[in-house]
Amino acid sequence: MLIDDAFVLIEDYSLLIEDPLFLIEDALMLITNPLMFTEDALLLIIDALLTEDHLLLIEDALLLFEDALLLIEDTLMLIADPLMLIEHPLMLIEESLLLIEDALLLIEDHLMLIDDPFLLIEDYSLLIEDALLLIEDSLMLIDDSLMLIDDRFLLIEDPMMLI
């Protein structure tokens, strides 16, 4: 599945190389949507000044401004480098694999320390169990990261999902 996604991404990049305006047009359309949020925010501020609950409405308007700016920032990042969206989950996977490696080394160290397995097995079984739990947590983190990468590839394919 990831190989298919990679080929889709390569195909998308080849389209961008052929027609870089394609991405710029999409980006401009994406930026107009947050601008509509800012327009709504300004209308909220005007309404707020005419009502008694003006502080609450102004606060809502400022939140709309913040959302609009975050959306513009996300859009600009997507324009700059769509692969940035998958760098973070890939780093999480790398960290998880390092945790798994550490846990396996811990298990190996404990097994080497056991001279008489019947005497020390209780003590070390708890440490080994902790290491196995660390591996399980790391595998779940890898799974979550892979799902995040998959979501980000979908976002790269269809930036309108940001809205």
N, C-alpha and C. Protein backbone atom coordinates (compact mmCIF):
# COMPACT_ATOMS: atom_id res chain seq x y z
N MET A 1 0.82 -1.19 0.00
CA MET A 1 0.00 0.00 0.00
C MET A 1 0.87 1.26 0.00
N LEU A 2 1.93 1.26 0.83
CA LEU A 2 2.81 2.43 0.87
C LEU A 2 3.53 2.61 -0.46
N ILE A 3 3.84 1.50 -1.13
CA ILE A 3 4.50 1.60 -2.44
C ILE A 3 3.55 2.27 -3.43
N ASP A 4 2.26 1.87 -3.40
CA ASP A 4 1.28 2.51 -4.28
C ASP A 4 1.20 4.00 -3.99
N ASP A 5 1.17 4.34 -2.69
CA ASP A 5 1.11 5.75 -2.30
C ASP A 5 2.35 6.50 -2.80
N ALA A 6 3.50 5.84 -2.73
CA ALA A 6 4.73 6.49 -3.19
C ALA A 6 4.66 6.76 -4.69
N PHE A 7 4.11 5.81 -5.46
CA PHE A 7 4.00 6.02 -6.90
C PHE A 7 3.01 7.15 -7.20
N VAL A 8 1.94 7.24 -6.42
CA VAL A 8 0.98 8.33 -6.60
C VAL A 8 1.67 9.66 -6.32
N LEU A 9 2.49 9.69 -5.26
CA LEU A 9 3.21 10.91 -4.91
C LEU A 9 4.20 11.29 -6.01
N ILE A 10 4.92 10.30 -6.54
CA ILE A 10 5.86 10.57 -7.64
C ILE A 10 5.10 11.13 -8.83
N GLU A 11 3.94 10.54 -9.11
CA GLU A 11 3.12 11.01 -10.24
C GLU A 11 2.68 12.46 -10.00
N ASP A 12 2.27 12.75 -8.76
CA ASP A 12 1.86 14.13 -8.43
C ASP A 12 3.02 15.10 -8.63
N TYR A 13 4.22 14.70 -8.17
CA TYR A 13 5.37 15.57 -8.35
C TYR A 13 5.72 15.76 -9.82
N SER A 14 5.55 14.70 -10.61
CA SER A 14 5.86 14.86 -12.04
C SER A 14 4.88 15.85 -12.68
N LEU A 15 3.62 15.83 -12.22
CA LEU A 15 2.66 16.82 -12.72
C LEU A 15 3.07 18.23 -12.32
N LEU A 16 3.58 18.36 -11.09
CA LEU A 16 4.00 19.68 -10.61
C LEU A 16 5.20 20.20 -11.39
N ILE A 17 6.10 19.28 -11.75
CA ILE A 17 7.26 19.70 -12.53
C ILE A 17 6.81 20.18 -13.90
N GLU A 18 5.82 19.47 -14.48
CA GLU A 18 5.32 19.87 -15.80
C GLU A 18 4.57 21.19 -15.72
N ASP A 19 3.78 21.37 -14.66
CA ASP A 19 2.96 22.58 -14.55
C ASP A 19 2.95 23.06 -13.10
N PRO A 20 3.99 23.81 -12.66
CA PRO A 20 4.03 24.27 -11.28
C PRO A 20 2.89 25.22 -10.93
N LEU A 21 2.28 25.84 -11.93
CA LEU A 21 1.15 26.73 -11.65
C LEU A 21 -0.04 25.95 -11.11
N PHE A 22 -0.08 24.66 -11.40
CA PHE A 22 -1.16 23.80 -10.92
C PHE A 22 -1.26 23.88 -9.39
N LEU A 23 -0.11 23.76 -8.72
CA LEU A 23 -0.09 23.81 -7.26
C LEU A 23 -0.39 25.21 -6.75
N ILE A 24 0.13 26.22 -7.43
CA ILE A 24 -0.10 27.61 -7.01
C ILE A 24 -1.59 27.95 -7.11
N GLU A 25 -2.25 27.49 -8.18
CA GLU A 25 -3.69 27.75 -8.32
C GLU A 25 -4.46 27.12 -7.17
N ASP A 26 -4.13 25.86 -6.86
CA ASP A 26 -4.80 25.19 -5.74
C ASP A 26 -4.56 25.94 -4.43
N ALA A 27 -3.33 26.39 -4.25
CA ALA A 27 -2.99 27.09 -3.01
C ALA A 27 -3.77 28.39 -2.89
N LEU A 28 -3.88 29.11 -3.98
CA LEU A 28 -4.64 30.36 -3.94
C LEU A 28 -6.10 30.11 -3.60
N MET A 29 -6.65 29.02 -4.14
CA MET A 29 -8.04 28.69 -3.80
C MET A 29 -8.14 28.35 -2.32
N LEU A 30 -7.13 27.62 -1.78
CA LEU A 30 -7.15 27.27 -0.37
C LEU A 30 -7.02 28.50 0.52
N ILE A 31 -6.21 29.47 0.09
CA ILE A 31 -6.01 30.67 0.90
C ILE A 31 -7.27 31.53 0.91
N THR A 32 -8.07 31.51 -0.16
CA THR A 32 -9.29 32.32 -0.17
C THR A 32 -10.28 31.83 0.88
N ASN A 33 -10.28 30.55 1.18
CA ASN A 33 -11.21 30.05 2.20
C ASN A 33 -10.92 30.62 3.58
N PRO A 34 -9.65 30.61 4.06
CA PRO A 34 -9.39 31.27 5.34
C PRO A 34 -9.70 32.76 5.31
N LEU A 35 -9.53 33.38 4.14
CA LEU A 35 -9.86 34.80 4.06
C LEU A 35 -11.36 35.01 4.30
N MET A 36 -12.16 34.04 3.89
CA MET A 36 -13.60 34.13 4.20
C MET A 36 -13.81 34.04 5.70
N PHE A 37 -12.98 33.21 6.40
CA PHE A 37 -13.07 33.16 7.86
C PHE A 37 -12.76 34.53 8.46
N THR A 38 -11.75 35.20 7.94
CA THR A 38 -11.40 36.51 8.49
C THR A 38 -12.52 37.51 8.23
N GLU A 39 -13.17 37.39 7.07
CA GLU A 39 -14.32 38.26 6.79
C GLU A 39 -15.43 37.99 7.80
N ASP A 40 -15.70 36.71 8.06
CA ASP A 40 -16.70 36.35 9.07
C ASP A 40 -16.31 36.90 10.44
N ALA A 41 -15.02 36.84 10.74
CA ALA A 41 -14.56 37.35 12.03
C ALA A 41 -14.79 38.85 12.14
N LEU A 42 -14.52 39.58 11.07
CA LEU A 42 -14.76 41.03 11.09
C LEU A 42 -16.25 41.33 11.26
N LEU A 43 -17.10 40.56 10.59
CA LEU A 43 -18.54 40.75 10.76
C LEU A 43 -18.96 40.46 12.19
N LEU A 44 -18.35 39.46 12.80
CA LEU A 44 -18.65 39.16 14.21
C LEU A 44 -18.24 40.31 15.12
N ILE A 45 -17.11 40.93 14.84
CA ILE A 45 -16.66 42.06 15.66
C ILE A 45 -17.64 43.23 15.51
N ILE A 46 -18.07 43.48 14.29
CA ILE A 46 -19.05 44.56 14.07
C ILE A 46 -20.33 44.26 14.84
N ASP A 47 -20.81 43.01 14.74
CA ASP A 47 -22.01 42.62 15.50
C ASP A 47 -21.77 42.76 17.00
N ALA A 48 -20.56 42.41 17.43
CA ALA A 48 -20.24 42.47 18.85
C ALA A 48 -20.32 43.89 19.39
N LEU A 49 -19.88 44.83 18.59
CA LEU A 49 -19.90 46.21 19.04
C LEU A 49 -21.32 46.74 19.17
N LEU A 50 -22.27 46.09 18.49
CA LEU A 50 -23.66 46.53 18.54
C LEU A 50 -24.48 45.79 19.59
N THR A 51 -23.88 44.82 20.29
CA THR A 51 -24.65 44.04 21.26
C THR A 51 -24.03 44.16 22.65
N GLU A 52 -24.77 43.62 23.64
CA GLU A 52 -24.28 43.67 25.01
C GLU A 52 -23.16 42.65 25.25
N ASP A 53 -23.23 41.52 24.57
CA ASP A 53 -22.23 40.46 24.78
C ASP A 53 -21.02 40.64 23.86
N HIS A 54 -20.59 41.89 23.73
CA HIS A 54 -19.55 42.16 22.75
C HIS A 54 -18.22 41.47 23.06
N LEU A 55 -17.89 41.28 24.33
CA LEU A 55 -16.61 40.63 24.64
C LEU A 55 -16.59 39.18 24.18
N LEU A 56 -17.70 38.48 24.39
CA LEU A 56 -17.76 37.08 23.95
C LEU A 56 -17.69 36.98 22.43
N LEU A 57 -18.40 37.86 21.75
CA LEU A 57 -18.38 37.82 20.29
C LEU A 57 -17.01 38.20 19.74
N ILE A 58 -16.36 39.17 20.37
CA ILE A 58 -15.01 39.54 19.92
C ILE A 58 -14.05 38.37 20.14
N GLU A 59 -14.21 37.69 21.28
CA GLU A 59 -13.37 36.51 21.53
C GLU A 59 -13.59 35.44 20.45
N ASP A 60 -14.86 35.21 20.10
CA ASP A 60 -15.16 34.26 19.02
C ASP A 60 -14.53 34.70 17.70
N ALA A 61 -14.60 36.00 17.45
CA ALA A 61 -14.02 36.52 16.21
C ALA A 61 -12.51 36.32 16.19
N LEU A 62 -11.86 36.56 17.33
CA LEU A 62 -10.41 36.36 17.38
C LEU A 62 -10.05 34.89 17.19
N LEU A 63 -10.88 33.99 17.71
CA LEU A 63 -10.65 32.56 17.47
C LEU A 63 -10.78 32.23 15.99
N LEU A 64 -11.75 32.87 15.33
CA LEU A 64 -11.89 32.67 13.89
C LEU A 64 -10.66 33.17 13.14
N PHE A 65 -10.16 34.33 13.56
CA PHE A 65 -8.92 34.86 12.95
C PHE A 65 -7.78 33.86 13.13
N GLU A 66 -7.66 33.34 14.36
CA GLU A 66 -6.59 32.39 14.64
C GLU A 66 -6.72 31.14 13.76
N ASP A 67 -7.94 30.62 13.65
CA ASP A 67 -8.16 29.45 12.79
C ASP A 67 -7.79 29.76 11.34
N ALA A 68 -8.17 30.94 10.89
CA ALA A 68 -7.87 31.32 9.51
C ALA A 68 -6.37 31.40 9.29
N LEU A 69 -5.65 31.99 10.25
CA LEU A 69 -4.20 32.10 10.10
C LEU A 69 -3.53 30.74 10.13
N LEU A 70 -4.01 29.85 11.00
CA LEU A 70 -3.45 28.50 11.04
C LEU A 70 -3.70 27.76 9.74
N LEU A 71 -4.88 27.96 9.18
CA LEU A 71 -5.21 27.32 7.91
C LEU A 71 -4.33 27.86 6.79
N ILE A 72 -4.10 29.16 6.79
CA ILE A 72 -3.21 29.75 5.78
C ILE A 72 -1.79 29.21 5.97
N GLU A 73 -1.35 29.12 7.23
CA GLU A 73 -0.01 28.60 7.50
C GLU A 73 0.13 27.15 7.02
N ASP A 74 -0.88 26.31 7.32
CA ASP A 74 -0.86 24.92 6.85
C ASP A 74 -0.82 24.86 5.33
N THR A 75 -1.59 25.72 4.69
CA THR A 75 -1.63 25.73 3.23
C THR A 75 -0.28 26.12 2.66
N LEU A 76 0.34 27.14 3.25
CA LEU A 76 1.65 27.58 2.76
C LEU A 76 2.71 26.50 2.98
N MET A 77 2.63 25.78 4.11
CA MET A 77 3.57 24.69 4.34
C MET A 77 3.38 23.59 3.31
N LEU A 78 2.12 23.32 2.99
CA LEU A 78 1.82 22.28 2.01
C LEU A 78 2.36 22.67 0.64
N ILE A 79 2.27 23.97 0.33
CA ILE A 79 2.81 24.45 -0.95
C ILE A 79 4.33 24.31 -0.95
N ALA A 80 4.95 24.70 0.17
CA ALA A 80 6.41 24.71 0.24
C ALA A 80 6.99 23.31 0.09
N ASP A 81 6.44 22.36 0.81
CA ASP A 81 6.99 21.01 0.75
C ASP A 81 5.96 20.02 1.27
N PRO A 82 5.23 19.39 0.38
CA PRO A 82 4.22 18.43 0.82
C PRO A 82 4.81 17.28 1.65
N LEU A 83 6.08 16.96 1.43
CA LEU A 83 6.69 15.86 2.17
C LEU A 83 6.91 16.21 3.64
N MET A 84 6.89 17.52 3.98
CA MET A 84 7.03 17.91 5.38
C MET A 84 5.93 17.28 6.22
N LEU A 85 4.79 17.03 5.59
CA LEU A 85 3.66 16.48 6.33
C LEU A 85 3.94 15.07 6.84
N ILE A 86 4.85 14.35 6.21
CA ILE A 86 5.11 12.98 6.66
C ILE A 86 6.42 12.86 7.43
N GLU A 87 7.20 13.94 7.53
CA GLU A 87 8.47 13.86 8.24
C GLU A 87 8.27 13.53 9.72
N HIS A 88 7.29 14.16 10.36
CA HIS A 88 7.08 13.94 11.80
C HIS A 88 6.68 12.50 12.10
N PRO A 89 5.67 11.94 11.40
CA PRO A 89 5.36 10.54 11.69
C PRO A 89 6.52 9.60 11.39
N LEU A 90 7.34 9.91 10.38
CA LEU A 90 8.50 9.06 10.10
C LEU A 90 9.50 9.12 11.25
N MET A 91 9.66 10.31 11.85
CA MET A 91 10.55 10.43 13.01
C MET A 91 9.99 9.63 14.18
N LEU A 92 8.66 9.63 14.35
CA LEU A 92 8.05 8.84 15.42
C LEU A 92 8.32 7.35 15.21
N ILE A 93 8.23 6.91 13.95
CA ILE A 93 8.50 5.50 13.66
C ILE A 93 9.96 5.18 13.98
N GLU A 94 10.86 6.08 13.59
CA GLU A 94 12.28 5.86 13.87
C GLU A 94 12.53 5.76 15.37
N GLU A 95 11.92 6.67 16.15
CA GLU A 95 12.07 6.64 17.60
C GLU A 95 11.50 5.35 18.18
N SER A 96 10.37 4.90 17.64
CA SER A 96 9.76 3.66 18.12
C SER A 96 10.66 2.47 17.85
N LEU A 97 11.27 2.45 16.67
CA LEU A 97 12.17 1.34 16.35
C LEU A 97 13.39 1.35 17.27
N LEU A 98 13.87 2.54 17.62
CA LEU A 98 14.99 2.63 18.56
C LEU A 98 14.58 2.13 19.94
N LEU A 99 13.33 2.44 20.35
CA LEU A 99 12.84 1.94 21.63
C LEU A 99 12.74 0.42 21.63
N ILE A 100 12.27 -0.13 20.50
CA ILE A 100 12.19 -1.59 20.39
C ILE A 100 13.59 -2.20 20.49
N GLU A 101 14.54 -1.58 19.79
CA GLU A 101 15.91 -2.08 19.84
C GLU A 101 16.45 -2.04 21.27
N ASP A 102 16.19 -0.93 21.98
CA ASP A 102 16.64 -0.83 23.38
C ASP A 102 15.99 -1.90 24.24
N ALA A 103 14.70 -2.14 24.02
CA ALA A 103 13.99 -3.15 24.81
C ALA A 103 14.56 -4.54 24.54
N LEU A 104 14.85 -4.84 23.28
CA LEU A 104 15.42 -6.15 22.96
C LEU A 104 16.82 -6.30 23.57
N LEU A 105 17.61 -5.23 23.56
CA LEU A 105 18.93 -5.28 24.20
C LEU A 105 18.79 -5.50 25.71
N LEU A 106 17.77 -4.87 26.30
CA LEU A 106 17.52 -5.05 27.72
C LEU A 106 17.16 -6.51 28.03
N ILE A 107 16.31 -7.08 27.19
CA ILE A 107 15.95 -8.49 27.38
C ILE A 107 17.19 -9.37 27.24
N GLU A 108 17.99 -9.09 26.22
CA GLU A 108 19.21 -9.87 26.00
C GLU A 108 20.15 -9.76 27.20
N ASP A 109 20.33 -8.53 27.72
CA ASP A 109 21.20 -8.34 28.89
C ASP A 109 20.69 -9.13 30.08
N HIS A 110 19.39 -9.10 30.30
CA HIS A 110 18.83 -9.81 31.45
C HIS A 110 18.97 -11.32 31.29
N LEU A 111 18.80 -11.80 30.10
CA LEU A 111 18.94 -13.24 29.88
C LEU A 111 20.38 -13.69 30.09
N MET A 112 21.34 -12.84 29.73
CA MET A 112 22.75 -13.19 29.95
C MET A 112 23.10 -13.16 31.43
N LEU A 113 22.43 -12.32 32.20
CA LEU A 113 22.72 -12.22 33.63
C LEU A 113 22.19 -13.41 34.44
N ILE A 114 21.26 -14.10 33.85
CA ILE A 114 20.64 -15.20 34.58
C ILE A 114 21.56 -16.43 34.52
N ASP A 115 22.25 -16.72 35.65
CA ASP A 115 23.07 -17.93 35.74
C ASP A 115 22.19 -19.12 36.08
N ASP A 116 21.35 -18.88 37.04
CA ASP A 116 20.45 -19.95 37.48
C ASP A 116 19.03 -19.47 37.22
N PRO A 117 18.47 -19.83 36.09
CA PRO A 117 17.16 -19.30 35.69
C PRO A 117 16.07 -19.52 36.73
N PHE A 118 16.18 -20.61 37.48
CA PHE A 118 15.10 -20.90 38.43
C PHE A 118 15.13 -19.97 39.64
N LEU A 119 16.31 -19.48 40.01
CA LEU A 119 16.40 -18.58 41.16
C LEU A 119 16.05 -17.14 40.80
N LEU A 120 16.49 -16.70 39.63
CA LEU A 120 16.35 -15.29 39.28
C LEU A 120 15.21 -15.00 38.31
N ILE A 121 14.52 -16.03 37.90
CA ILE A 121 13.52 -15.82 36.84
C ILE A 121 12.41 -14.87 37.27
N GLU A 122 12.05 -14.92 38.55
CA GLU A 122 11.00 -14.02 39.02
C GLU A 122 11.43 -12.56 38.92
N ASP A 123 12.65 -12.28 39.38
CA ASP A 123 13.15 -10.91 39.35
C ASP A 123 13.25 -10.38 37.93
N TYR A 124 13.81 -11.19 37.06
CA TYR A 124 14.04 -10.73 35.70
C TYR A 124 12.80 -10.81 34.83
N SER A 125 11.86 -11.64 35.22
CA SER A 125 10.65 -11.73 34.40
C SER A 125 9.89 -10.40 34.41
N LEU A 126 9.94 -9.70 35.55
CA LEU A 126 9.29 -8.38 35.60
C LEU A 126 10.00 -7.39 34.69
N LEU A 127 11.32 -7.42 34.69
CA LEU A 127 12.07 -6.51 33.81
C LEU A 127 11.83 -6.85 32.35
N ILE A 128 11.79 -8.14 32.04
CA ILE A 128 11.54 -8.56 30.66
C ILE A 128 10.12 -8.18 30.26
N GLU A 129 9.18 -8.33 31.20
CA GLU A 129 7.79 -7.94 30.92
C GLU A 129 7.70 -6.45 30.61
N ASP A 130 8.44 -5.63 31.37
CA ASP A 130 8.47 -4.19 31.10
C ASP A 130 9.03 -3.91 29.71
N ALA A 131 10.08 -4.63 29.34
CA ALA A 131 10.66 -4.43 28.01
C ALA A 131 9.67 -4.83 26.92
N LEU A 132 8.94 -5.91 27.15
CA LEU A 132 7.95 -6.34 26.16
C LEU A 132 6.81 -5.32 26.05
N LEU A 133 6.42 -4.74 27.18
CA LEU A 133 5.40 -3.69 27.13
C LEU A 133 5.90 -2.48 26.35
N LEU A 134 7.18 -2.17 26.51
CA LEU A 134 7.78 -1.07 25.76
C LEU A 134 7.74 -1.37 24.26
N ILE A 135 8.01 -2.62 23.90
CA ILE A 135 7.94 -3.02 22.49
C ILE A 135 6.50 -2.87 21.99
N GLU A 136 5.54 -3.33 22.80
CA GLU A 136 4.13 -3.23 22.40
C GLU A 136 3.72 -1.77 22.20
N ASP A 137 4.11 -0.90 23.14
CA ASP A 137 3.80 0.52 23.00
C ASP A 137 4.44 1.11 21.75
N SER A 138 5.67 0.70 21.49
CA SER A 138 6.37 1.21 20.31
C SER A 138 5.69 0.76 19.03
N LEU A 139 5.24 -0.48 19.01
CA LEU A 139 4.54 -0.98 17.81
C LEU A 139 3.23 -0.23 17.59
N MET A 140 2.53 0.09 18.69
CA MET A 140 1.30 0.87 18.55
C MET A 140 1.61 2.26 18.03
N LEU A 141 2.71 2.85 18.50
CA LEU A 141 3.12 4.17 18.02
C LEU A 141 3.48 4.12 16.54
N ILE A 142 4.14 3.05 16.12
CA ILE A 142 4.45 2.88 14.70
C ILE A 142 3.17 2.78 13.90
N ASP A 143 2.21 2.00 14.39
CA ASP A 143 0.93 1.85 13.69
C ASP A 143 0.22 3.20 13.57
N ASP A 144 0.19 3.95 14.68
CA ASP A 144 -0.43 5.28 14.64
C ASP A 144 0.29 6.19 13.66
N SER A 145 1.62 6.11 13.64
CA SER A 145 2.40 6.95 12.73
C SER A 145 2.12 6.59 11.28
N LEU A 146 2.00 5.29 11.00
CA LEU A 146 1.70 4.87 9.63
C LEU A 146 0.32 5.37 9.20
N MET A 147 -0.65 5.33 10.12
CA MET A 147 -1.98 5.86 9.78
C MET A 147 -1.90 7.36 9.54
N LEU A 148 -1.08 8.05 10.33
CA LEU A 148 -0.90 9.49 10.15
C LEU A 148 -0.25 9.79 8.80
N ILE A 149 0.74 8.98 8.43
CA ILE A 149 1.37 9.16 7.11
C ILE A 149 0.34 8.94 6.02
N ASP A 150 -0.49 7.91 6.17
CA ASP A 150 -1.52 7.63 5.17
C ASP A 150 -2.47 8.82 5.05
N ASP A 151 -2.87 9.38 6.21
CA ASP A 151 -3.74 10.56 6.18
C ASP A 151 -3.05 11.73 5.50
N ARG A 152 -1.76 11.90 5.77
CA ARG A 152 -1.03 13.02 5.18
C ARG A 152 -0.90 12.85 3.67
N PHE A 153 -0.72 11.59 3.20
CA PHE A 153 -0.67 11.37 1.76
C PHE A 153 -2.01 11.74 1.13
N LEU A 154 -3.11 11.41 1.82
CA LEU A 154 -4.42 11.80 1.31
C LEU A 154 -4.53 13.32 1.24
N LEU A 155 -3.97 13.99 2.24
CA LEU A 155 -4.00 15.45 2.27
C LEU A 155 -3.16 16.03 1.14
N ILE A 156 -2.03 15.40 0.85
CA ILE A 156 -1.19 15.86 -0.25
C ILE A 156 -1.94 15.69 -1.57
N GLU A 157 -2.67 14.57 -1.69
CA GLU A 157 -3.41 14.32 -2.92
C GLU A 157 -4.57 15.30 -3.07
N ASP A 158 -5.21 15.65 -1.94
CA ASP A 158 -6.37 16.54 -2.00
C ASP A 158 -6.26 17.60 -0.92
N PRO A 159 -5.56 18.71 -1.19
CA PRO A 159 -5.36 19.75 -0.17
C PRO A 159 -6.68 20.38 0.31
N MET A 160 -7.75 20.23 -0.44
CA MET A 160 -9.03 20.81 -0.02
C MET A 160 -9.53 20.16 1.27
N MET A 161 -8.95 19.02 1.66
CA MET A 161 -9.35 18.36 2.90
C MET A 161 -8.96 19.20 4.12
N LEU A 162 -8.06 20.18 3.93
CA LEU A 162 -7.67 21.06 5.03
C LEU A 162 -8.85 21.90 5.51
N ILE A 163 -9.79 22.12 4.63
CA ILE A 163 -10.87 23.07 4.91
C ILE A 163 -11.99 22.39 5.67
